[in-house]
N, C-alpha and C. Protein backbone atom coordinates (compact mmCIF):
# COMPACT_ATOMS: atom_id res chain seq x y z
N UNK A 1 0.82 -1.18 0.00
CA UNK A 1 0.00 0.00 0.00
C UNK A 1 0.87 1.26 0.00
N UNK A 2 2.01 1.21 0.69
CA UNK A 2 2.88 2.37 0.73
C UNK A 2 3.32 2.75 -0.68
N UNK A 3 3.68 1.75 -1.49
CA UNK A 3 4.09 2.03 -2.86
C UNK A 3 2.96 2.65 -3.66
N UNK A 4 1.75 2.13 -3.49
CA UNK A 4 0.60 2.69 -4.21
C UNK A 4 0.37 4.14 -3.80
N UNK A 5 0.52 4.44 -2.51
CA UNK A 5 0.34 5.81 -2.05
C UNK A 5 1.34 6.75 -2.72
N UNK A 6 2.61 6.41 -2.67
CA UNK A 6 3.62 7.29 -3.26
C UNK A 6 3.49 7.36 -4.77
N UNK A 7 3.18 6.25 -5.41
CA UNK A 7 2.99 6.28 -6.87
C UNK A 7 1.82 7.18 -7.24
N UNK A 8 0.73 7.11 -6.47
CA UNK A 8 -0.42 7.97 -6.74
C UNK A 8 -0.06 9.43 -6.49
N UNK A 9 0.65 9.69 -5.42
CA UNK A 9 1.07 11.04 -5.10
C UNK A 9 1.92 11.63 -6.23
N UNK A 10 2.92 10.89 -6.69
CA UNK A 10 3.78 11.38 -7.77
C UNK A 10 3.00 11.56 -9.07
N UNK A 11 2.11 10.62 -9.36
CA UNK A 11 1.30 10.74 -10.57
C UNK A 11 0.47 12.02 -10.54
N UNK A 12 -0.23 12.27 -9.43
CA UNK A 12 -1.10 13.43 -9.35
C UNK A 12 -0.33 14.75 -9.32
N UNK A 13 0.88 14.73 -8.77
CA UNK A 13 1.70 15.95 -8.78
C UNK A 13 2.21 16.27 -10.18
N UNK A 14 2.45 15.23 -10.98
CA UNK A 14 3.02 15.44 -12.31
C UNK A 14 1.98 15.44 -13.43
N UNK A 15 0.78 15.00 -13.13
CA UNK A 15 -0.24 14.84 -14.18
C UNK A 15 -0.75 16.17 -14.70
N UNK A 16 -1.11 16.17 -15.96
CA UNK A 16 -1.72 17.36 -16.55
C UNK A 16 -3.15 17.49 -16.02
N UNK A 17 -3.72 18.68 -16.11
CA UNK A 17 -5.11 18.86 -15.65
C UNK A 17 -6.08 17.89 -16.34
N UNK A 18 -5.86 17.60 -17.60
CA UNK A 18 -6.74 16.68 -18.33
C UNK A 18 -6.68 15.27 -17.73
N UNK A 19 -5.49 14.83 -17.33
CA UNK A 19 -5.34 13.51 -16.72
C UNK A 19 -6.05 13.46 -15.37
N UNK A 20 -5.90 14.51 -14.57
CA UNK A 20 -6.59 14.57 -13.27
C UNK A 20 -8.10 14.53 -13.49
N UNK A 21 -8.59 15.28 -14.48
CA UNK A 21 -10.02 15.26 -14.80
C UNK A 21 -10.48 13.84 -15.08
N UNK A 22 -9.75 13.15 -15.94
CA UNK A 22 -10.13 11.80 -16.36
C UNK A 22 -10.08 10.81 -15.20
N UNK A 23 -9.01 10.83 -14.42
CA UNK A 23 -8.84 9.84 -13.36
C UNK A 23 -9.80 10.03 -12.20
N UNK A 24 -10.03 11.26 -11.80
CA UNK A 24 -10.81 11.49 -10.59
C UNK A 24 -12.22 12.00 -10.81
N UNK A 25 -12.50 12.59 -11.98
CA UNK A 25 -13.81 13.18 -12.18
C UNK A 25 -14.52 12.65 -13.42
N UNK A 26 -13.98 11.63 -14.05
CA UNK A 26 -14.64 10.98 -15.18
C UNK A 26 -15.04 11.92 -16.27
N UNK A 27 -16.31 11.92 -16.60
CA UNK A 27 -16.79 12.69 -17.75
C UNK A 27 -17.19 14.13 -17.40
N UNK A 28 -16.85 14.61 -16.22
CA UNK A 28 -17.19 15.99 -15.86
C UNK A 28 -16.30 17.01 -16.56
N UNK A 29 -15.13 16.58 -17.02
CA UNK A 29 -14.20 17.51 -17.67
C UNK A 29 -13.76 18.58 -16.70
N UNK A 30 -13.73 19.83 -17.15
CA UNK A 30 -13.31 20.96 -16.31
C UNK A 30 -14.44 21.51 -15.45
N UNK A 31 -15.63 20.95 -15.57
CA UNK A 31 -16.78 21.45 -14.82
C UNK A 31 -16.51 21.49 -13.32
N UNK A 32 -15.83 20.48 -12.79
CA UNK A 32 -15.57 20.42 -11.36
C UNK A 32 -14.72 21.60 -10.91
N UNK A 33 -13.77 22.04 -11.74
CA UNK A 33 -12.91 23.17 -11.39
C UNK A 33 -13.74 24.45 -11.22
N UNK A 34 -14.67 24.66 -12.13
CA UNK A 34 -15.53 25.84 -12.05
C UNK A 34 -16.36 25.81 -10.77
N UNK A 35 -16.89 24.65 -10.43
CA UNK A 35 -17.70 24.53 -9.22
C UNK A 35 -16.87 24.76 -7.96
N UNK A 36 -15.63 24.22 -7.95
CA UNK A 36 -14.75 24.44 -6.79
C UNK A 36 -14.44 25.92 -6.66
N UNK A 37 -14.12 26.58 -7.78
CA UNK A 37 -13.83 28.01 -7.74
C UNK A 37 -15.04 28.80 -7.22
N UNK A 38 -16.22 28.49 -7.72
CA UNK A 38 -17.43 29.19 -7.31
C UNK A 38 -17.69 28.99 -5.82
N UNK A 39 -17.50 27.77 -5.35
CA UNK A 39 -17.77 27.43 -3.95
C UNK A 39 -16.73 28.04 -3.00
N UNK A 40 -15.47 28.14 -3.44
CA UNK A 40 -14.38 28.52 -2.55
C UNK A 40 -13.67 29.82 -2.92
N UNK A 41 -14.28 30.64 -3.73
CA UNK A 41 -13.56 31.81 -4.22
C UNK A 41 -13.20 32.82 -3.13
N UNK A 42 -13.86 32.74 -1.98
CA UNK A 42 -13.55 33.67 -0.91
C UNK A 42 -12.76 33.05 0.23
N UNK A 43 -12.37 31.80 0.07
CA UNK A 43 -11.53 31.18 1.08
C UNK A 43 -10.62 30.17 0.41
N UNK A 44 -9.95 29.38 1.16
CA UNK A 44 -9.04 28.40 0.57
C UNK A 44 -7.62 28.92 0.53
N UNK A 45 -6.68 28.06 0.19
CA UNK A 45 -5.26 28.42 0.22
C UNK A 45 -4.89 29.59 -0.69
N UNK A 46 -5.49 29.68 -1.87
CA UNK A 46 -5.09 30.76 -2.77
C UNK A 46 -5.44 32.12 -2.19
N UNK A 47 -6.55 32.20 -1.46
CA UNK A 47 -6.95 33.45 -0.82
C UNK A 47 -6.00 33.78 0.33
N UNK A 48 -5.69 32.78 1.15
CA UNK A 48 -4.78 32.93 2.28
C UNK A 48 -3.39 33.33 1.80
N UNK A 49 -2.90 32.71 0.72
CA UNK A 49 -1.56 32.99 0.20
C UNK A 49 -1.44 34.42 -0.30
N UNK A 50 -2.54 35.03 -0.71
CA UNK A 50 -2.50 36.41 -1.16
C UNK A 50 -2.14 37.37 -0.04
N UNK A 51 -2.55 37.07 1.19
CA UNK A 51 -2.25 37.92 2.33
C UNK A 51 -0.89 37.61 2.97
N UNK A 52 -0.49 36.36 2.88
CA UNK A 52 0.78 35.94 3.49
C UNK A 52 1.64 35.20 2.46
N UNK A 53 2.12 35.90 1.42
CA UNK A 53 2.84 35.21 0.35
C UNK A 53 4.17 34.60 0.79
N UNK A 54 4.76 35.07 1.87
CA UNK A 54 6.02 34.49 2.34
C UNK A 54 5.81 33.27 3.22
N UNK A 55 4.58 33.04 3.62
CA UNK A 55 4.24 31.87 4.42
C UNK A 55 3.11 31.10 3.73
N UNK A 56 3.38 30.61 2.53
CA UNK A 56 2.29 29.95 1.80
C UNK A 56 1.87 28.64 2.47
N UNK A 57 0.59 28.42 2.41
CA UNK A 57 0.05 27.15 2.88
C UNK A 57 0.24 26.15 1.75
N UNK A 58 0.93 25.07 2.02
CA UNK A 58 1.23 24.10 0.96
C UNK A 58 0.24 22.95 1.07
N UNK A 59 -0.66 22.89 0.13
CA UNK A 59 -1.65 21.82 0.05
C UNK A 59 -2.01 21.67 -1.43
N UNK A 60 -1.17 20.97 -2.19
CA UNK A 60 -1.36 20.94 -3.64
C UNK A 60 -2.66 20.31 -4.11
N UNK A 61 -3.32 19.55 -3.27
CA UNK A 61 -4.52 18.84 -3.70
C UNK A 61 -5.79 19.40 -3.09
N UNK A 62 -5.74 20.59 -2.49
CA UNK A 62 -6.93 21.09 -1.80
C UNK A 62 -8.12 21.21 -2.75
N UNK A 63 -7.87 21.67 -3.98
CA UNK A 63 -8.99 21.86 -4.92
C UNK A 63 -9.58 20.51 -5.33
N UNK A 64 -8.72 19.53 -5.54
CA UNK A 64 -9.21 18.19 -5.90
C UNK A 64 -10.02 17.61 -4.75
N UNK A 65 -9.51 17.74 -3.53
CA UNK A 65 -10.25 17.24 -2.36
C UNK A 65 -11.61 17.92 -2.24
N UNK A 66 -11.60 19.22 -2.43
CA UNK A 66 -12.85 19.99 -2.34
C UNK A 66 -13.83 19.52 -3.41
N UNK A 67 -13.35 19.33 -4.63
CA UNK A 67 -14.22 18.85 -5.72
C UNK A 67 -14.78 17.48 -5.43
N UNK A 68 -13.95 16.57 -4.95
CA UNK A 68 -14.43 15.22 -4.62
C UNK A 68 -15.45 15.26 -3.50
N UNK A 69 -15.24 16.11 -2.50
CA UNK A 69 -16.21 16.24 -1.40
C UNK A 69 -17.54 16.79 -1.91
N UNK A 70 -17.46 17.77 -2.82
CA UNK A 70 -18.70 18.36 -3.36
C UNK A 70 -19.51 17.31 -4.11
N UNK A 71 -18.86 16.49 -4.91
CA UNK A 71 -19.58 15.47 -5.67
C UNK A 71 -19.97 14.29 -4.79
N UNK A 72 -19.23 14.04 -3.72
CA UNK A 72 -19.58 12.95 -2.81
C UNK A 72 -20.89 13.25 -2.09
N UNK A 73 -21.17 14.53 -1.85
CA UNK A 73 -22.42 14.89 -1.18
C UNK A 73 -23.63 14.48 -2.00
N UNK A 74 -23.47 14.35 -3.31
CA UNK A 74 -24.58 13.97 -4.18
C UNK A 74 -24.55 12.48 -4.54
N UNK A 75 -23.69 11.72 -3.90
CA UNK A 75 -23.46 10.33 -4.31
C UNK A 75 -24.28 9.31 -3.52
N UNK A 76 -25.28 9.74 -2.78
CA UNK A 76 -26.10 8.80 -2.03
C UNK A 76 -25.35 8.11 -0.90
N UNK A 77 -24.53 8.86 -0.19
CA UNK A 77 -23.76 8.28 0.91
C UNK A 77 -24.66 8.06 2.12
N UNK A 78 -24.26 7.12 2.95
CA UNK A 78 -25.01 6.85 4.17
C UNK A 78 -24.05 6.74 5.34
N UNK A 79 -24.57 6.96 6.55
CA UNK A 79 -23.76 6.78 7.75
C UNK A 79 -23.64 5.30 8.03
N UNK A 80 -22.46 4.90 8.47
CA UNK A 80 -22.16 3.49 8.72
C UNK A 80 -21.28 3.41 9.95
N UNK A 81 -21.60 2.50 10.85
CA UNK A 81 -20.78 2.30 12.05
C UNK A 81 -19.73 1.24 11.70
N UNK A 82 -18.47 1.65 11.72
CA UNK A 82 -17.37 0.75 11.40
C UNK A 82 -17.25 -0.25 12.55
N UNK A 83 -17.35 -1.57 12.25
CA UNK A 83 -17.43 -2.57 13.31
C UNK A 83 -16.21 -2.62 14.25
N UNK A 84 -15.02 -2.46 13.72
CA UNK A 84 -13.83 -2.59 14.57
C UNK A 84 -13.62 -1.39 15.48
N UNK A 85 -13.80 -0.19 14.95
CA UNK A 85 -13.52 1.01 15.74
C UNK A 85 -14.77 1.60 16.40
N UNK A 86 -15.94 1.29 15.87
CA UNK A 86 -17.18 1.86 16.38
C UNK A 86 -17.44 3.28 15.91
N UNK A 87 -16.58 3.78 15.00
CA UNK A 87 -16.73 5.14 14.49
C UNK A 87 -17.77 5.18 13.38
N UNK A 88 -18.45 6.30 13.29
CA UNK A 88 -19.41 6.51 12.22
C UNK A 88 -18.69 7.14 11.04
N UNK A 89 -18.83 6.55 9.87
CA UNK A 89 -18.20 7.07 8.66
C UNK A 89 -19.23 7.13 7.54
N UNK A 90 -18.96 7.93 6.53
CA UNK A 90 -19.84 8.03 5.36
C UNK A 90 -19.37 6.99 4.35
N UNK A 91 -20.29 6.18 3.86
CA UNK A 91 -19.96 5.12 2.90
C UNK A 91 -20.95 5.12 1.75
N UNK A 92 -20.58 4.40 0.72
CA UNK A 92 -21.50 4.14 -0.38
C UNK A 92 -21.64 2.62 -0.47
N UNK A 93 -22.72 2.19 -1.09
CA UNK A 93 -22.95 0.75 -1.29
C UNK A 93 -23.13 0.50 -2.78
N UNK A 94 -22.66 -0.67 -3.20
CA UNK A 94 -22.93 -1.05 -4.59
C UNK A 94 -24.25 -1.81 -4.62
N UNK A 95 -24.65 -2.28 -5.78
CA UNK A 95 -25.97 -2.92 -5.88
C UNK A 95 -26.07 -4.26 -5.18
N UNK A 96 -24.95 -4.83 -4.71
CA UNK A 96 -25.00 -6.05 -3.92
C UNK A 96 -25.06 -5.76 -2.43
N UNK A 97 -24.91 -4.47 -2.07
CA UNK A 97 -24.91 -4.08 -0.67
C UNK A 97 -23.53 -3.97 -0.07
N UNK A 98 -22.48 -4.24 -0.85
CA UNK A 98 -21.11 -4.15 -0.36
C UNK A 98 -20.80 -2.69 0.00
N UNK A 99 -20.13 -2.50 1.13
CA UNK A 99 -19.79 -1.18 1.65
C UNK A 99 -18.43 -0.75 1.14
N UNK A 100 -18.30 0.51 0.73
CA UNK A 100 -17.03 1.08 0.31
C UNK A 100 -16.96 2.52 0.82
N UNK A 101 -15.75 3.00 1.11
CA UNK A 101 -15.65 4.40 1.56
C UNK A 101 -16.03 5.35 0.45
N UNK A 102 -16.43 6.55 0.83
CA UNK A 102 -16.74 7.58 -0.16
C UNK A 102 -15.50 7.87 -0.97
N UNK A 103 -15.70 8.22 -2.24
CA UNK A 103 -14.56 8.56 -3.08
C UNK A 103 -13.83 9.77 -2.51
N UNK A 104 -12.52 9.62 -2.39
CA UNK A 104 -11.68 10.76 -2.04
C UNK A 104 -10.36 10.57 -2.77
N UNK A 105 -9.40 11.40 -2.47
CA UNK A 105 -8.14 11.40 -3.21
C UNK A 105 -7.46 10.03 -3.18
N UNK A 106 -7.62 9.29 -2.11
CA UNK A 106 -6.90 8.03 -1.97
C UNK A 106 -7.77 6.78 -2.09
N UNK A 107 -9.09 6.92 -2.05
CA UNK A 107 -9.93 5.73 -2.16
C UNK A 107 -10.52 5.54 -3.54
N UNK A 108 -10.42 6.56 -4.40
CA UNK A 108 -10.93 6.41 -5.76
C UNK A 108 -10.08 5.39 -6.50
N UNK A 109 -10.73 4.39 -7.05
CA UNK A 109 -10.03 3.34 -7.80
C UNK A 109 -9.93 3.78 -9.25
N UNK A 110 -8.72 3.78 -9.78
CA UNK A 110 -8.52 4.16 -11.17
C UNK A 110 -8.88 2.99 -12.07
N UNK A 111 -10.00 3.07 -12.74
CA UNK A 111 -10.49 2.00 -13.60
C UNK A 111 -9.92 2.09 -15.02
N UNK A 112 -9.31 3.21 -15.36
CA UNK A 112 -8.84 3.44 -16.72
C UNK A 112 -7.63 2.57 -17.05
N UNK A 113 -7.40 2.42 -18.35
CA UNK A 113 -6.23 1.69 -18.84
C UNK A 113 -5.38 2.64 -19.67
N UNK A 114 -4.07 2.44 -19.60
CA UNK A 114 -3.13 3.20 -20.40
C UNK A 114 -2.30 2.18 -21.17
N UNK A 115 -2.41 2.23 -22.50
CA UNK A 115 -1.69 1.29 -23.38
C UNK A 115 -1.92 -0.16 -22.94
N UNK A 116 -3.18 -0.50 -22.73
CA UNK A 116 -3.61 -1.85 -22.34
C UNK A 116 -3.11 -2.29 -20.96
N UNK A 117 -2.64 -1.36 -20.15
CA UNK A 117 -2.24 -1.66 -18.77
C UNK A 117 -3.21 -0.94 -17.84
N UNK A 118 -3.71 -1.66 -16.84
CA UNK A 118 -4.63 -1.00 -15.93
C UNK A 118 -3.84 -0.21 -14.88
N UNK A 119 -4.53 0.67 -14.20
CA UNK A 119 -3.92 1.52 -13.18
C UNK A 119 -4.29 1.07 -11.77
N UNK A 120 -4.74 -0.16 -11.61
CA UNK A 120 -5.16 -0.65 -10.29
C UNK A 120 -4.02 -0.62 -9.28
N UNK A 121 -2.77 -0.73 -9.74
CA UNK A 121 -1.62 -0.68 -8.84
C UNK A 121 -1.42 0.67 -8.19
N UNK A 122 -2.13 1.69 -8.66
CA UNK A 122 -2.06 3.02 -8.06
C UNK A 122 -3.18 3.23 -7.04
N UNK A 123 -3.90 2.17 -6.73
CA UNK A 123 -5.02 2.27 -5.80
C UNK A 123 -4.53 2.05 -4.37
N UNK A 124 -4.78 3.04 -3.53
CA UNK A 124 -4.39 2.94 -2.12
C UNK A 124 -5.41 2.12 -1.34
N UNK A 125 -6.61 2.01 -1.88
CA UNK A 125 -7.67 1.22 -1.25
C UNK A 125 -8.24 0.30 -2.31
N UNK A 126 -8.38 -0.95 -1.96
CA UNK A 126 -9.01 -1.90 -2.86
C UNK A 126 -9.92 -2.78 -2.00
N UNK A 127 -11.23 -2.78 -2.29
CA UNK A 127 -12.12 -3.62 -1.48
C UNK A 127 -11.76 -5.10 -1.66
N UNK A 128 -12.00 -5.86 -0.62
CA UNK A 128 -11.66 -7.28 -0.66
C UNK A 128 -12.31 -8.00 -1.83
N UNK A 129 -13.54 -7.59 -2.20
CA UNK A 129 -14.24 -8.29 -3.27
C UNK A 129 -13.60 -8.04 -4.64
N UNK A 130 -12.68 -7.08 -4.74
CA UNK A 130 -11.97 -6.82 -6.00
C UNK A 130 -10.68 -7.62 -6.12
N UNK A 131 -10.31 -8.35 -5.05
CA UNK A 131 -9.06 -9.12 -5.05
C UNK A 131 -9.36 -10.54 -5.50
N UNK A 132 -8.81 -10.94 -6.67
CA UNK A 132 -9.08 -12.29 -7.20
C UNK A 132 -8.71 -13.38 -6.20
N UNK A 133 -9.62 -14.33 -6.02
CA UNK A 133 -9.38 -15.46 -5.14
C UNK A 133 -9.71 -15.22 -3.68
N UNK A 134 -9.99 -14.00 -3.30
CA UNK A 134 -10.35 -13.69 -1.91
C UNK A 134 -11.76 -14.21 -1.64
N UNK A 135 -12.03 -14.61 -0.43
CA UNK A 135 -13.35 -15.12 -0.07
C UNK A 135 -14.45 -14.10 -0.35
N UNK A 136 -14.17 -12.83 -0.09
CA UNK A 136 -15.15 -11.78 -0.34
C UNK A 136 -15.45 -11.65 -1.83
N UNK A 137 -14.47 -11.91 -2.67
CA UNK A 137 -14.68 -11.85 -4.12
C UNK A 137 -15.65 -12.95 -4.55
N UNK A 138 -15.50 -14.13 -3.97
CA UNK A 138 -16.38 -15.24 -4.30
C UNK A 138 -17.80 -14.98 -3.80
N UNK A 139 -17.93 -14.40 -2.60
CA UNK A 139 -19.25 -14.04 -2.07
C UNK A 139 -19.91 -12.98 -2.95
N UNK A 140 -19.13 -12.00 -3.37
CA UNK A 140 -19.65 -10.92 -4.21
C UNK A 140 -20.14 -11.49 -5.54
N UNK A 141 -19.36 -12.38 -6.13
CA UNK A 141 -19.75 -13.01 -7.39
C UNK A 141 -21.03 -13.82 -7.21
N UNK A 142 -21.17 -14.52 -6.08
CA UNK A 142 -22.38 -15.30 -5.81
C UNK A 142 -23.61 -14.37 -5.69
N UNK A 143 -23.44 -13.22 -5.03
CA UNK A 143 -24.55 -12.26 -4.91
C UNK A 143 -24.94 -11.73 -6.29
N UNK A 144 -23.95 -11.44 -7.12
CA UNK A 144 -24.24 -10.98 -8.48
C UNK A 144 -25.00 -12.04 -9.26
N UNK A 145 -24.57 -13.29 -9.12
CA UNK A 145 -25.25 -14.39 -9.81
C UNK A 145 -26.70 -14.49 -9.35
N UNK A 146 -26.95 -14.32 -8.04
CA UNK A 146 -28.31 -14.36 -7.51
C UNK A 146 -29.15 -13.23 -8.11
N UNK A 147 -28.58 -12.03 -8.15
CA UNK A 147 -29.31 -10.89 -8.72
C UNK A 147 -29.62 -11.12 -10.19
N UNK A 148 -28.67 -11.64 -10.93
CA UNK A 148 -28.90 -11.89 -12.36
C UNK A 148 -29.90 -13.01 -12.58
N UNK A 149 -29.92 -14.00 -11.68
CA UNK A 149 -30.87 -15.10 -11.82
C UNK A 149 -32.31 -14.63 -11.61
N UNK A 150 -32.48 -13.56 -10.81
CA UNK A 150 -33.82 -13.03 -10.54
C UNK A 150 -34.38 -12.25 -11.72
N UNK A 151 -33.55 -11.81 -12.63
CA UNK A 151 -34.02 -11.07 -13.79
C UNK A 151 -34.79 -11.98 -14.72
N UNK A 152 -35.85 -11.45 -15.25
CA UNK A 152 -36.63 -12.23 -16.19
C UNK A 152 -36.02 -12.08 -17.59
N UNK A 153 -36.00 -13.16 -18.34
CA UNK A 153 -35.46 -13.06 -19.71
C UNK A 153 -36.34 -12.16 -20.57
N UNK A 154 -35.71 -11.49 -21.49
CA UNK A 154 -36.46 -10.63 -22.42
C UNK A 154 -37.24 -11.50 -23.41
N UNK A 155 -38.47 -11.05 -23.77
CA UNK A 155 -39.28 -11.87 -24.70
C UNK A 155 -38.70 -11.87 -26.10
């Protein structure tokens, strides 16, 4: 996981704006940037740095984090009590009911491929059901099979 974290960090620091759009915001394009600017134009690091340019706040991903949080609010998240810690966290569920953390800078799974190579190795978080051969993957596949079996065939 440490390697995935640093690889993702280096990728996002070096990536062009178009690559960041594609990896983290899908088909929104530059729309997310406009919304972040509109939402945060009176606060945020760029505003703070204007008053204290010799003491800049260094947070290169603040706009991306803000954009992901803005879109996560519309993603149908629910409160979930984490069994081990007892903490309440915001999660999303897939159609089988599997729980996953809300998309953020480090939990978003890069589904895209570059020159026929996937980017899954840059994922800092991977749900157990996505790991081939894991028991959770087999349970997830069984739930999918059940859901598909319930569908009626088209006439």
